[in-house]
Amino acid sequence: MQTQHDALLRLPEVLALIPVSRATWYAGVKSGRYPQAVSLGPRCVAWKASDIQRLVSQGVPLAAKECTGNAGSEDRRVAA
């Protein structure tokens, strides 16, 4: 019986293939747009290479339209 192992990619390797920021990547993981990580330890995660390759071949959704950052936010400072 032959076992096939999937390679694991750390975040810098993922971001080299998918041109988004770290913040955008983690927001996409949280929202389900990008695949979930595999935990390698308490503070160490990686992503399955097959999941990342599938994402690239399907055409990566680069950024969420709902992620507007601070654009359009009101100035909340109080005049003295």
PDB file of N, CA and C in Angstrom:
ATOM      1  N   MET A   1       0.846  -1.181   0.000  1.00  0.00           N
ATOM      2  CA  MET A   1       0.000   0.000   0.000  1.00  0.00           C
ATOM      3  C   MET A   1       0.892   1.245   0.000  1.00  0.00           C
ATOM      4  N   GLN A   2       0.638   2.128  -0.949  1.00  0.00           N
ATOM      5  CA  GLN A   2       1.447   3.346  -1.062  1.00  0.00           C
ATOM      6  C   GLN A   2       0.673   4.519  -0.485  1.00  0.00           C
ATOM      7  N   THR A   3       1.320   5.278   0.394  1.00  0.00           N
ATOM      8  CA  THR A   3       0.694   6.453   0.993  1.00  0.00           C
ATOM      9  C   THR A   3       1.223   7.694   0.297  1.00  0.00           C
ATOM     10  N   GLN A   4       0.307   8.546  -0.133  1.00  0.00           N
ATOM     11  CA  GLN A   4       0.722   9.782  -0.792  1.00  0.00           C
ATOM     12  C   GLN A   4       0.646  10.914   0.224  1.00  0.00           C
ATOM     13  N   HIS A   5       1.746  11.638   0.388  1.00  0.00           N
ATOM     14  CA  HIS A   5       1.795  12.747   1.330  1.00  0.00           C
ATOM     15  C   HIS A   5       1.685  14.062   0.576  1.00  0.00           C
ATOM     16  N   ASP A   6       0.915  14.966   1.124  1.00  0.00           N
ATOM     17  CA  ASP A   6       0.758  16.294   0.542  1.00  0.00           C
ATOM     18  C   ASP A   6       1.822  17.207   1.144  1.00  0.00           C
ATOM     19  N   ALA A   7       2.520  17.936   0.299  1.00  0.00           N
ATOM     20  CA  ALA A   7       3.511  18.892   0.787  1.00  0.00           C
ATOM     21  C   ALA A   7       2.799  20.002   1.552  1.00  0.00           C
ATOM     22  N   LEU A   8       3.508  20.596   2.485  1.00  0.00           N
ATOM     23  CA  LEU A   8       2.959  21.703   3.259  1.00  0.00           C
ATOM     24  C   LEU A   8       3.731  22.970   2.938  1.00  0.00           C
ATOM     25  N   LEU A   9       3.009  24.071   2.813  1.00  0.00           N
ATOM     26  CA  LEU A   9       3.615  25.368   2.510  1.00  0.00           C
ATOM     27  C   LEU A   9       3.418  26.307   3.686  1.00  0.00           C
ATOM     28  N   ARG A  10       4.488  26.981   4.083  1.00  0.00           N
ATOM     29  CA  ARG A  10       4.395  28.006   5.115  1.00  0.00           C
ATOM     30  C   ARG A  10       3.909  29.296   4.464  1.00  0.00           C
ATOM     31  N   LEU A  11       3.516  30.267   5.268  1.00  0.00           N
ATOM     32  CA  LEU A  11       2.905  31.493   4.759  1.00  0.00           C
ATOM     33  C   LEU A  11       3.747  32.221   3.707  1.00  0.00           C
ATOM     34  N   PRO A  12       5.060  32.417   3.890  1.00  0.00           N
ATOM     35  CA  PRO A  12       5.825  33.114   2.840  1.00  0.00           C
ATOM     36  C   PRO A  12       5.756  32.407   1.484  1.00  0.00           C
ATOM     37  N   GLU A  13       5.715  31.076   1.501  1.00  0.00           N
ATOM     38  CA  GLU A  13       5.612  30.315   0.252  1.00  0.00           C
ATOM     39  C   GLU A  13       4.236  30.493  -0.380  1.00  0.00           C
ATOM     40  N   VAL A  14       3.199  30.529   0.445  1.00  0.00           N
ATOM     41  CA  VAL A  14       1.837  30.748  -0.056  1.00  0.00           C
ATOM     42  C   VAL A  14       1.735  32.136  -0.677  1.00  0.00           C
ATOM     43  N   LEU A  15       2.244  33.145   0.030  1.00  0.00           N
ATOM     44  CA  LEU A  15       2.133  34.523  -0.456  1.00  0.00           C
ATOM     45  C   LEU A  15       2.990  34.773  -1.697  1.00  0.00           C
ATOM     46  N   ALA A  16       4.000  33.933  -1.932  1.00  0.00           N
ATOM     47  CA  ALA A  16       4.775  34.036  -3.169  1.00  0.00           C
ATOM     48  C   ALA A  16       3.937  33.591  -4.368  1.00  0.00           C
ATOM     49  N   LEU A  17       2.970  32.715  -4.128  1.00  0.00           N
ATOM     50  CA  LEU A  17       2.098  32.210  -5.195  1.00  0.00           C
ATOM     51  C   LEU A  17       0.823  33.024  -5.343  1.00  0.00           C
ATOM     52  N   ILE A  18       0.382  33.610  -4.241  1.00  0.00           N
ATOM     53  CA  ILE A  18      -0.878  34.355  -4.221  1.00  0.00           C
ATOM     54  C   ILE A  18      -0.565  35.773  -3.749  1.00  0.00           C
ATOM     55  N   PRO A  19      -0.633  36.748  -4.639  1.00  0.00           N
ATOM     56  CA  PRO A  19      -0.173  38.112  -4.331  1.00  0.00           C
ATOM     57  C   PRO A  19      -1.150  38.931  -3.494  1.00  0.00           C
ATOM     58  N   VAL A  20      -1.254  38.577  -2.227  1.00  0.00           N
ATOM     59  CA  VAL A  20      -2.069  39.352  -1.286  1.00  0.00           C
ATOM     60  C   VAL A  20      -1.234  39.608  -0.039  1.00  0.00           C
ATOM     61  N   SER A  21      -1.677  40.534   0.787  1.00  0.00           N
ATOM     62  CA  SER A  21      -0.965  40.812   2.036  1.00  0.00           C
ATOM     63  C   SER A  21      -1.282  39.726   3.063  1.00  0.00           C
ATOM     64  N   ARG A  22      -0.486  39.693   4.118  1.00  0.00           N
ATOM     65  CA  ARG A  22      -0.740  38.746   5.214  1.00  0.00           C
ATOM     66  C   ARG A  22      -2.127  38.963   5.801  1.00  0.00           C
ATOM     67  N   ALA A  23      -2.478  40.233   6.011  1.00  0.00           N
ATOM     68  CA  ALA A  23      -3.778  40.554   6.606  1.00  0.00           C
ATOM     69  C   ALA A  23      -4.921  40.087   5.708  1.00  0.00           C
ATOM     70  N   THR A  24      -4.787  40.319   4.398  1.00  0.00           N
ATOM     71  CA  THR A  24      -5.821  39.884   3.457  1.00  0.00           C
ATOM     72  C   THR A  24      -5.911  38.365   3.434  1.00  0.00           C
ATOM     73  N   TRP A  25      -4.765  37.686   3.473  1.00  0.00           N
ATOM     74  CA  TRP A  25      -4.766  36.224   3.470  1.00  0.00           C
ATOM     75  C   TRP A  25      -5.507  35.690   4.694  1.00  0.00           C
ATOM     76  N   TYR A  26      -5.153  36.179   5.888  1.00  0.00           N
ATOM     77  CA  TYR A  26      -5.791  35.672   7.103  1.00  0.00           C
ATOM     78  C   TYR A  26      -7.276  36.036   7.164  1.00  0.00           C
ATOM     79  N   ALA A  27      -7.655  37.201   6.645  1.00  0.00           N
ATOM     80  CA  ALA A  27      -9.079  37.555   6.575  1.00  0.00           C
ATOM     81  C   ALA A  27      -9.805  36.595   5.638  1.00  0.00           C
ATOM     82  N   GLY A  28      -9.165  36.235   4.528  1.00  0.00           N
ATOM     83  CA  GLY A  28      -9.755  35.284   3.585  1.00  0.00           C
ATOM     84  C   GLY A  28      -9.878  33.889   4.168  1.00  0.00           C
ATOM     85  N   VAL A  29      -8.903  33.469   4.961  1.00  0.00           N
ATOM     86  CA  VAL A  29      -8.977  32.169   5.636  1.00  0.00           C
ATOM     87  C   VAL A  29     -10.146  32.181   6.620  1.00  0.00           C
ATOM     88  N   LYS A  30     -10.259  33.263   7.383  1.00  0.00           N
ATOM     89  CA  LYS A  30     -11.331  33.370   8.376  1.00  0.00           C
ATOM     90  C   LYS A  30     -12.709  33.352   7.724  1.00  0.00           C
ATOM     91  N   SER A  31     -12.839  34.008   6.562  1.00  0.00           N
ATOM     92  CA  SER A  31     -14.139  34.088   5.889  1.00  0.00           C
ATOM     93  C   SER A  31     -14.450  32.846   5.057  1.00  0.00           C
ATOM     94  N   GLY A  32     -13.466  31.975   4.844  1.00  0.00           N
ATOM     95  CA  GLY A  32     -13.685  30.779   4.042  1.00  0.00           C
ATOM     96  C   GLY A  32     -13.304  30.950   2.581  1.00  0.00           C
ATOM     97  N   ARG A  33     -12.838  32.111   2.204  1.00  0.00           N
ATOM     98  CA  ARG A  33     -12.418  32.377   0.825  1.00  0.00           C
ATOM     99  C   ARG A  33     -11.153  31.575   0.488  1.00  0.00           C
ATOM    100  N   TYR A  34     -10.257  31.427   1.450  1.00  0.00           N
ATOM    101  CA  TYR A  34      -9.008  30.691   1.275  1.00  0.00           C
ATOM    102  C   TYR A  34      -9.018  29.474   2.202  1.00  0.00           C
ATOM    103  N   PRO A  35      -8.216  28.443   1.906  1.00  0.00           N
ATOM    104  CA  PRO A  35      -8.247  27.210   2.708  1.00  0.00           C
ATOM    105  C   PRO A  35      -7.726  27.399   4.133  1.00  0.00           C
ATOM    106  N   GLN A  36      -8.212  26.542   5.010  1.00  0.00           N
ATOM    107  CA  GLN A  36      -7.777  26.542   6.400  1.00  0.00           C
ATOM    108  C   GLN A  36      -6.361  25.976   6.503  1.00  0.00           C
ATOM    109  N   ALA A  37      -5.640  26.430   7.496  1.00  0.00           N
ATOM    110  CA  ALA A  37      -4.274  25.963   7.743  1.00  0.00           C
ATOM    111  C   ALA A  37      -4.296  24.642   8.501  1.00  0.00           C
ATOM    112  N   VAL A  38      -3.176  23.947   8.426  1.00  0.00           N
ATOM    113  CA  VAL A  38      -2.938  22.740   9.205  1.00  0.00           C
ATOM    114  C   VAL A  38      -2.011  23.142  10.342  1.00  0.00           C
ATOM    115  N   SER A  39      -2.380  22.817  11.567  1.00  0.00           N
ATOM    116  CA  SER A  39      -1.558  23.174  12.716  1.00  0.00           C
ATOM    117  C   SER A  39      -0.376  22.216  12.832  1.00  0.00           C
ATOM    118  N   LEU A  40       0.821  22.788  12.903  1.00  0.00           N
ATOM    119  CA  LEU A  40       2.034  21.995  13.073  1.00  0.00           C
ATOM    120  C   LEU A  40       2.553  22.059  14.502  1.00  0.00           C
ATOM    121  N   GLY A  41       2.019  22.963  15.274  1.00  0.00           N
ATOM    122  CA  GLY A  41       2.445  23.163  16.650  1.00  0.00           C
ATOM    123  C   GLY A  41       1.668  24.318  17.242  1.00  0.00           C
ATOM    124  N   PRO A  42       1.980  24.719  18.461  1.00  0.00           N
ATOM    125  CA  PRO A  42       1.214  25.780  19.119  1.00  0.00           C
ATOM    126  C   PRO A  42       1.232  27.119  18.372  1.00  0.00           C
ATOM    127  N   ARG A  43       2.332  27.433  17.697  1.00  0.00           N
ATOM    128  CA  ARG A  43       2.432  28.717  16.984  1.00  0.00           C
ATOM    129  C   ARG A  43       2.959  28.527  15.568  1.00  0.00           C
ATOM    130  N   CYS A  44       2.627  27.399  14.973  1.00  0.00           N
ATOM    131  CA  CYS A  44       3.164  27.071  13.653  1.00  0.00           C
ATOM    132  C   CYS A  44       2.074  26.430  12.804  1.00  0.00           C
ATOM    133  N   VAL A  45       1.774  27.058  11.662  1.00  0.00           N
ATOM    134  CA  VAL A  45       0.772  26.516  10.751  1.00  0.00           C
ATOM    135  C   VAL A  45       1.335  26.461   9.334  1.00  0.00           C
ATOM    136  N   ALA A  46       0.693  25.660   8.504  1.00  0.00           N
ATOM    137  CA  ALA A  46       1.060  25.550   7.093  1.00  0.00           C
ATOM    138  C   ALA A  46      -0.210  25.211   6.323  1.00  0.00           C
ATOM    139  N   TRP A  47      -0.117  25.297   5.007  1.00  0.00           N
ATOM    140  CA  TRP A  47      -1.260  24.994   4.146  1.00  0.00           C
ATOM    141  C   TRP A  47      -0.876  23.853   3.222  1.00  0.00           C
ATOM    142  N   LYS A  48      -1.845  22.994   2.910  1.00  0.00           N
ATOM    143  CA  LYS A  48      -1.605  21.893   1.986  1.00  0.00           C
ATOM    144  C   LYS A  48      -1.315  22.465   0.605  1.00  0.00           C
ATOM    145  N   ALA A  49      -0.224  21.994   0.002  1.00  0.00           N
ATOM    146  CA  ALA A  49       0.157  22.460  -1.332  1.00  0.00           C
ATOM    147  C   ALA A  49      -0.951  22.184  -2.342  1.00  0.00           C
ATOM    148  N   SER A  50      -1.654  21.070  -2.188  1.00  0.00           N
ATOM    149  CA  SER A  50      -2.739  20.741  -3.119  1.00  0.00           C
ATOM    150  C   SER A  50      -3.882  21.745  -3.013  1.00  0.00           C
ATOM    151  N   ASP A  51      -4.177  22.230  -1.806  1.00  0.00           N
ATOM    152  CA  ASP A  51      -5.226  23.247  -1.629  1.00  0.00           C
ATOM    153  C   ASP A  51      -4.821  24.558  -2.294  1.00  0.00           C
ATOM    154  N   ILE A  52      -3.557  24.939  -2.139  1.00  0.00           N
ATOM    155  CA  ILE A  52      -3.073  26.189  -2.732  1.00  0.00           C
ATOM    156  C   ILE A  52      -3.034  26.066  -4.251  1.00  0.00           C
ATOM    157  N   GLN A  53      -2.577  24.920  -4.766  1.00  0.00           N
ATOM    158  CA  GLN A  53      -2.536  24.714  -6.215  1.00  0.00           C
ATOM    159  C   GLN A  53      -3.944  24.748  -6.808  1.00  0.00           C
ATOM    160  N   ARG A  54      -4.902  24.148  -6.113  1.00  0.00           N
ATOM    161  CA  ARG A  54      -6.298  24.172  -6.561  1.00  0.00           C
ATOM    162  C   ARG A  54      -6.810  25.612  -6.608  1.00  0.00           C
ATOM    163  N   LEU A  55      -6.488  26.383  -5.595  1.00  0.00           N
ATOM    164  CA  LEU A  55      -6.901  27.783  -5.531  1.00  0.00           C
ATOM    165  C   LEU A  55      -6.310  28.575  -6.698  1.00  0.00           C
ATOM    166  N   VAL A  56      -5.034  28.366  -6.982  1.00  0.00           N
ATOM    167  CA  VAL A  56      -4.368  29.061  -8.086  1.00  0.00           C
ATOM    168  C   VAL A  56      -4.981  28.650  -9.423  1.00  0.00           C
ATOM    169  N   SER A  57      -5.225  27.360  -9.604  1.00  0.00           N
ATOM    170  CA  SER A  57      -5.760  26.885 -10.885  1.00  0.00           C
ATOM    171  C   SER A  57      -7.202  27.327 -11.120  1.00  0.00           C
ATOM    172  N   GLN A  58      -7.951  27.569 -10.042  1.00  0.00           N
ATOM    173  CA  GLN A  58      -9.336  28.035 -10.169  1.00  0.00           C
ATOM    174  C   GLN A  58      -9.412  29.538 -10.376  1.00  0.00           C
ATOM    175  N   GLY A  59      -8.314  30.221 -10.195  1.00  0.00           N
ATOM    176  CA  GLY A  59      -8.320  31.681 -10.275  1.00  0.00           C
ATOM    177  C   GLY A  59      -8.558  32.226  -8.880  1.00  0.00           C
ATOM    178  N   VAL A  60      -7.534  32.754  -8.298  1.00  0.00           N
ATOM    179  CA  VAL A  60      -7.565  33.203  -6.906  1.00  0.00           C
ATOM    180  C   VAL A  60      -8.420  34.453  -6.754  1.00  0.00           C
ATOM    181  N   PRO A  61      -9.419  34.426  -5.862  1.00  0.00           N
ATOM    182  CA  PRO A  61     -10.098  35.680  -5.518  1.00  0.00           C
ATOM    183  C   PRO A  61      -9.146  36.496  -4.656  1.00  0.00           C
ATOM    184  N   LEU A  62      -8.602  37.576  -5.205  1.00  0.00           N
ATOM    185  CA  LEU A  62      -7.510  38.289  -4.540  1.00  0.00           C
ATOM    186  C   LEU A  62      -7.927  39.054  -3.304  1.00  0.00           C
ATOM    187  N   ALA A  63      -9.036  39.738  -3.344  1.00  0.00           N
ATOM    188  CA  ALA A  63      -9.429  40.537  -2.183  1.00  0.00           C
ATOM    189  C   ALA A  63     -10.941  40.595  -2.102  1.00  0.00           C
ATOM    190  N   ALA A  64     -11.425  40.722  -0.895  1.00  0.00           N
ATOM    191  CA  ALA A  64     -12.863  40.821  -0.679  1.00  0.00           C
ATOM    192  C   ALA A  64     -13.331  42.231  -0.968  1.00  0.00           C
ATOM    193  N   LYS A  65     -14.436  42.356  -1.657  1.00  0.00           N
ATOM    194  CA  LYS A  65     -14.979  43.682  -1.936  1.00  0.00           C
ATOM    195  C   LYS A  65     -15.449  44.361  -0.656  1.00  0.00           C
ATOM    196  N   GLU A  66     -15.838  43.544   0.325  1.00  0.00           N
ATOM    197  CA  GLU A  66     -16.318  44.135   1.575  1.00  0.00           C
ATOM    198  C   GLU A  66     -15.191  44.633   2.466  1.00  0.00           C
ATOM    199  N   CYS A  67     -13.956  44.309   2.156  1.00  0.00           N
ATOM    200  CA  CYS A  67     -12.809  44.775   2.935  1.00  0.00           C
ATOM    201  C   CYS A  67     -12.396  46.148   2.427  1.00  0.00           C
ATOM    202  N   THR A  68     -12.866  47.188   3.082  1.00  0.00           N
ATOM    203  CA  THR A  68     -12.568  48.539   2.627  1.00  0.00           C
ATOM    204  C   THR A  68     -11.548  49.233   3.504  1.00  0.00           C
ATOM    205  N   GLY A  69     -11.128  48.607   4.573  1.00  0.00           N
ATOM    206  CA  GLY A  69     -10.161  49.234   5.467  1.00  0.00           C
ATOM    207  C   GLY A  69     -10.741  50.470   6.102  1.00  0.00           C
ATOM    208  N   ASN A  70      -9.990  51.565   6.108  1.00  0.00           N
ATOM    209  CA  ASN A  70     -10.442  52.809   6.709  1.00  0.00           C
ATOM    210  C   ASN A  70     -11.060  53.757   5.696  1.00  0.00           C
ATOM    211  N   ALA A  71     -11.155  53.348   4.466  1.00  0.00           N
ATOM    212  CA  ALA A  71     -11.719  54.221   3.439  1.00  0.00           C
ATOM    213  C   ALA A  71     -13.151  54.581   3.794  1.00  0.00           C
ATOM    214  N   GLY A  72     -13.443  55.842   3.765  1.00  0.00           N
ATOM    215  CA  GLY A  72     -14.802  56.294   4.037  1.00  0.00           C
ATOM    216  C   GLY A  72     -15.152  56.400   5.506  1.00  0.00           C
ATOM    217  N   SER A  73     -14.203  56.123   6.394  1.00  0.00           N
ATOM    218  CA  SER A  73     -14.529  56.239   7.812  1.00  0.00           C
ATOM    219  C   SER A  73     -14.563  57.709   8.205  1.00  0.00           C
ATOM    220  N   GLU A  74     -15.407  57.998   9.149  1.00  0.00           N
ATOM    221  CA  GLU A  74     -15.564  59.387   9.588  1.00  0.00           C
ATOM    222  C   GLU A  74     -14.484  59.749  10.596  1.00  0.00           C
ATOM    223  N   ASP A  75     -14.148  61.022  10.630  1.00  0.00           N
ATOM    224  CA  ASP A  75     -13.202  61.517  11.617  1.00  0.00           C
ATOM    225  C   ASP A  75     -13.943  61.617  12.944  1.00  0.00           C
ATOM    226  N   ARG A  76     -13.498  60.867  13.947  1.00  0.00           N
ATOM    227  CA  ARG A  76     -14.214  60.789  15.220  1.00  0.00           C
ATOM    228  C   ARG A  76     -13.566  61.641  16.313  1.00  0.00           C
ATOM    229  N   ARG A  77     -12.622  62.492  15.953  1.00  0.00           N
ATOM    230  CA  ARG A  77     -11.985  63.332  16.965  1.00  0.00           C
ATOM    231  C   ARG A  77     -12.976  64.368  17.480  1.00  0.00           C
ATOM    232  N   VAL A  78     -12.868  64.658  18.745  1.00  0.00           N
ATOM    233  CA  VAL A  78     -13.744  65.643  19.381  1.00  0.00           C
ATOM    234  C   VAL A  78     -13.004  66.970  19.447  1.00  0.00           C
ATOM    235  N   ALA A  79     -13.654  68.021  18.997  1.00  0.00           N
ATOM    236  CA  ALA A  79     -13.040  69.355  19.038  1.00  0.00           C
ATOM    237  C   ALA A  79     -12.939  69.818  20.481  1.00  0.00           C
ATOM    238  N   ALA A  80     -11.811  70.417  20.837  1.00  0.00           N
ATOM    239  CA  ALA A  80     -11.598  70.874  22.218  1.00  0.00           C
ATOM    240  C   ALA A  80     -12.207  72.229  22.447  1.00  0.00           C
TER     241      ALA A  80
END
